[in-house]
Amino acid sequence: MDTPSSARHFSRPLPSPIGTLYAVATLGGLESLQWRAPLAEVRPPEPGAEAALLGVVEEQLAAYFARKLRAFDIPLAPVGTEFQRAAWTALRRIPYGETRTYAEQAAAIGRPRAVRAIGAANGKNPLSIIVPCHRVIGSDGTLTGFAGGLEAKRFLLALESTQAELGLA
């Protein structure tokens, strides 16, 4: 999952109902999807694989926001420690429309006492929405920190709710 520092990076801003997201990809896959423009020097995608990958990211995000996609199928290349990657893998296993607590996520990776470390790893999640850290809530059911802000987290959780839960059925 780690990407060599010499890898070429390509970026594209992507519109969404909760603000502009910034996708950064390498030839190995999507490295990040963040709320802020990348700090590292990246360039627009060149025609070919880079543009195609970022196009797929844009298409899948649009389908997700239209409630037509529940699971992303994009090659991912996040850079992180072994623990962070384990935490992010556990996030991807949380089903669409469901939530978990930090304690449940820690238990899912076999580290039940690492609740704070899970919170820190989630805070460094480079693939917001695609690696759904918005599905993790506090043990008392409250919404906790999210890189896009609590309003964005609330929006994403409502988007993934069933129509019955939203009172639309």
Protein backbone atom coordinates (compact mmCIF):
# COMPACT_ATOMS: atom_id res chain seq x y z
CA MET A 1 0.00 0.00 0.00
CA ASP A 2 2.91 2.37 0.51
CA THR A 3 3.81 4.44 -2.50
CA PRO A 4 7.44 5.28 -3.26
CA SER A 5 8.23 8.93 -2.70
CA SER A 6 9.51 9.11 -6.28
CA ALA A 7 6.07 8.23 -7.67
CA ARG A 8 4.43 10.81 -9.89
CA HIS A 9 1.33 12.32 -8.33
CA PHE A 10 -1.69 13.63 -10.19
CA SER A 11 -4.54 15.62 -8.74
CA ARG A 12 -8.03 16.77 -9.62
CA PRO A 13 -10.56 18.77 -7.62
CA LEU A 14 -13.91 16.99 -7.48
CA PRO A 15 -17.23 18.69 -6.76
CA SER A 16 -19.54 17.16 -4.16
CA PRO A 17 -22.68 18.19 -2.27
CA ILE A 18 -20.50 18.80 0.80
CA GLY A 19 -17.78 20.85 -0.88
CA THR A 20 -14.85 20.34 -3.16
CA LEU A 21 -12.78 17.22 -2.56
CA TYR A 22 -9.24 16.80 -3.83
CA ALA A 23 -8.17 13.47 -5.29
CA VAL A 24 -4.48 12.59 -5.55
CA ALA A 25 -3.44 9.50 -7.48
CA THR A 26 -0.31 7.72 -8.58
CA LEU A 27 -0.07 5.03 -11.19
CA GLY A 28 -0.51 2.60 -8.27
CA GLY A 29 -3.95 3.90 -7.28
CA LEU A 30 -5.77 6.61 -5.39
CA GLU A 31 -3.51 7.93 -2.64
CA SER A 32 -5.81 10.46 -1.06
CA LEU A 33 -9.22 12.07 -1.19
CA GLN A 34 -9.20 15.08 1.09
CA TRP A 35 -11.07 18.24 1.96
CA ARG A 36 -8.05 20.49 1.37
CA ALA A 37 -5.95 21.00 -1.71
CA PRO A 38 -2.80 18.85 -1.60
CA LEU A 39 0.25 20.42 0.00
CA ALA A 40 2.68 18.41 -2.09
CA GLU A 41 3.35 19.44 -5.66
CA VAL A 42 1.02 17.52 -7.93
CA ARG A 43 -0.05 18.10 -11.48
CA PRO A 44 -3.20 17.62 -13.49
CA PRO A 45 -3.55 14.12 -14.91
CA GLU A 46 -2.08 13.39 -18.29
CA PRO A 47 -4.20 11.54 -20.82
CA GLY A 48 -4.08 7.85 -20.07
CA ALA A 49 -4.17 5.79 -16.90
CA GLU A 50 -3.94 8.74 -14.51
CA ALA A 51 -6.85 10.61 -16.07
CA ALA A 52 -8.86 7.37 -16.32
CA LEU A 53 -8.36 6.59 -12.61
CA LEU A 54 -9.37 10.08 -11.50
CA GLY A 55 -12.34 9.89 -13.87
CA VAL A 56 -13.46 6.64 -12.20
CA VAL A 57 -13.10 8.28 -8.77
CA GLU A 58 -15.28 11.18 -9.92
CA GLU A 59 -17.90 8.83 -11.44
CA GLN A 60 -18.06 6.63 -8.35
CA LEU A 61 -18.33 9.60 -5.99
CA ALA A 62 -21.18 11.01 -8.08
CA ALA A 63 -22.94 7.61 -7.95
CA TYR A 64 -22.37 7.42 -4.18
CA PHE A 65 -23.88 10.86 -3.62
CA ALA A 66 -26.82 9.88 -5.87
CA ARG A 67 -27.39 6.82 -3.61
CA LYS A 68 -26.60 4.50 -6.51
CA LEU A 69 -23.29 3.16 -5.15
CA ARG A 70 -22.69 1.58 -1.75
CA ALA A 71 -19.13 0.27 -2.13
CA PHE A 72 -16.26 1.83 -4.04
CA ASP A 73 -14.21 -0.23 -6.48
CA ILE A 74 -11.10 1.86 -6.93
CA PRO A 75 -7.46 0.79 -6.63
CA LEU A 76 -6.19 2.41 -3.45
CA ALA A 77 -2.63 3.36 -2.50
CA PRO A 78 -2.79 5.09 0.90
CA VAL A 79 0.48 5.73 2.68
CA GLY A 80 0.53 4.94 6.40
CA THR A 81 1.97 2.80 9.13
CA GLU A 82 1.04 -0.86 9.51
CA PHE A 83 -1.33 0.03 12.36
CA GLN A 84 -2.97 2.84 10.37
CA ARG A 85 -3.48 0.56 7.36
CA ALA A 86 -5.08 -2.07 9.63
CA ALA A 87 -7.41 0.59 11.07
CA TRP A 88 -8.32 1.78 7.56
CA THR A 89 -8.98 -1.78 6.42
CA ALA A 90 -11.37 -2.19 9.37
CA LEU A 91 -13.15 1.00 8.27
CA ARG A 92 -13.75 -0.47 4.82
CA ARG A 93 -15.47 -3.44 6.45
CA ILE A 94 -18.15 -1.29 8.10
CA PRO A 95 -21.22 -1.83 5.92
CA TYR A 96 -22.90 1.04 4.15
CA GLY A 97 -25.56 2.57 6.38
CA GLU A 98 -24.08 1.20 9.61
CA THR A 99 -21.87 2.71 12.28
CA ARG A 100 -19.29 1.37 14.70
CA THR A 101 -17.68 2.81 17.79
CA TYR A 102 -13.95 3.33 18.11
CA ALA A 103 -13.90 0.46 20.61
CA GLU A 104 -15.60 -1.85 18.10
CA GLN A 105 -13.12 -0.84 15.43
CA ALA A 106 -10.20 -1.49 17.80
CA ALA A 107 -11.63 -4.93 18.63
CA ALA A 108 -12.05 -5.65 14.92
CA ILE A 109 -8.29 -5.42 14.39
CA GLY A 110 -7.51 -7.46 17.50
CA ARG A 111 -6.36 -4.47 19.55
CA PRO A 112 -9.29 -3.79 21.93
CA ARG A 113 -7.27 -1.49 24.18
CA ALA A 114 -6.08 0.70 21.29
CA VAL A 115 -9.19 2.90 21.18
CA ARG A 116 -7.28 6.21 21.23
CA ALA A 117 -4.80 4.94 18.66
CA ILE A 118 -7.74 4.00 16.43
CA GLY A 119 -9.06 7.54 16.76
CA ALA A 120 -5.66 8.92 15.78
CA ALA A 121 -5.40 6.53 12.81
CA ASN A 122 -8.89 7.51 11.65
CA GLY A 123 -7.86 11.15 11.92
CA LYS A 124 -5.04 10.43 9.47
CA ASN A 125 -7.27 8.54 7.03
CA PRO A 126 -6.17 9.88 3.63
CA LEU A 127 -9.18 8.49 1.74
CA SER A 128 -12.16 10.26 3.21
CA ILE A 129 -15.57 8.83 2.22
CA ILE A 130 -14.03 5.94 0.26
CA VAL A 131 -12.49 4.61 3.48
CA PRO A 132 -15.54 5.52 5.55
CA CYS A 133 -14.27 6.98 8.82
CA HIS A 134 -17.53 8.95 8.95
CA ARG A 135 -19.18 5.66 10.02
CA VAL A 136 -17.32 5.69 13.36
CA ILE A 137 -19.07 7.36 16.28
CA GLY A 138 -18.45 7.83 19.99
CA SER A 139 -19.33 5.04 22.43
CA ASP A 140 -22.29 7.12 23.64
CA GLY A 141 -23.63 7.45 20.08
CA THR A 142 -22.48 11.03 19.56
CA LEU A 143 -20.79 12.25 16.42
CA THR A 144 -17.10 12.81 16.95
CA GLY A 145 -14.37 14.51 14.93
CA PHE A 146 -14.26 14.30 11.17
CA ALA A 147 -11.86 15.99 8.73
CA GLY A 148 -14.77 17.43 6.74
CA GLY A 149 -16.50 18.72 9.87
CA LEU A 150 -19.43 17.36 11.83
CA GLU A 151 -22.01 18.77 9.38
CA ALA A 152 -20.39 16.78 6.55
CA LYS A 153 -20.32 13.68 8.76
CA ARG A 154 -24.00 14.15 9.61
CA PHE A 155 -24.77 14.57 5.88
CA LEU A 156 -22.89 11.38 4.94
CA LEU A 157 -24.57 9.33 7.65
CA ALA A 158 -27.99 10.65 6.59
CA LEU A 159 -27.17 9.91 2.94
CA GLU A 160 -26.45 6.30 3.87
CA SER A 161 -29.56 5.93 6.03
CA THR A 162 -32.48 3.96 4.66
CA GLN A 163 -35.50 5.91 3.54
CA ALA A 164 -37.45 4.53 6.49
CA GLU A 165 -34.84 5.88 8.90
CA LEU A 166 -35.19 9.27 7.24
CA GLY A 167 -38.99 9.14 7.51
CA LEU A 168 -39.39 8.90 3.73
CA ALA A 169 -40.87 5.40 3.50
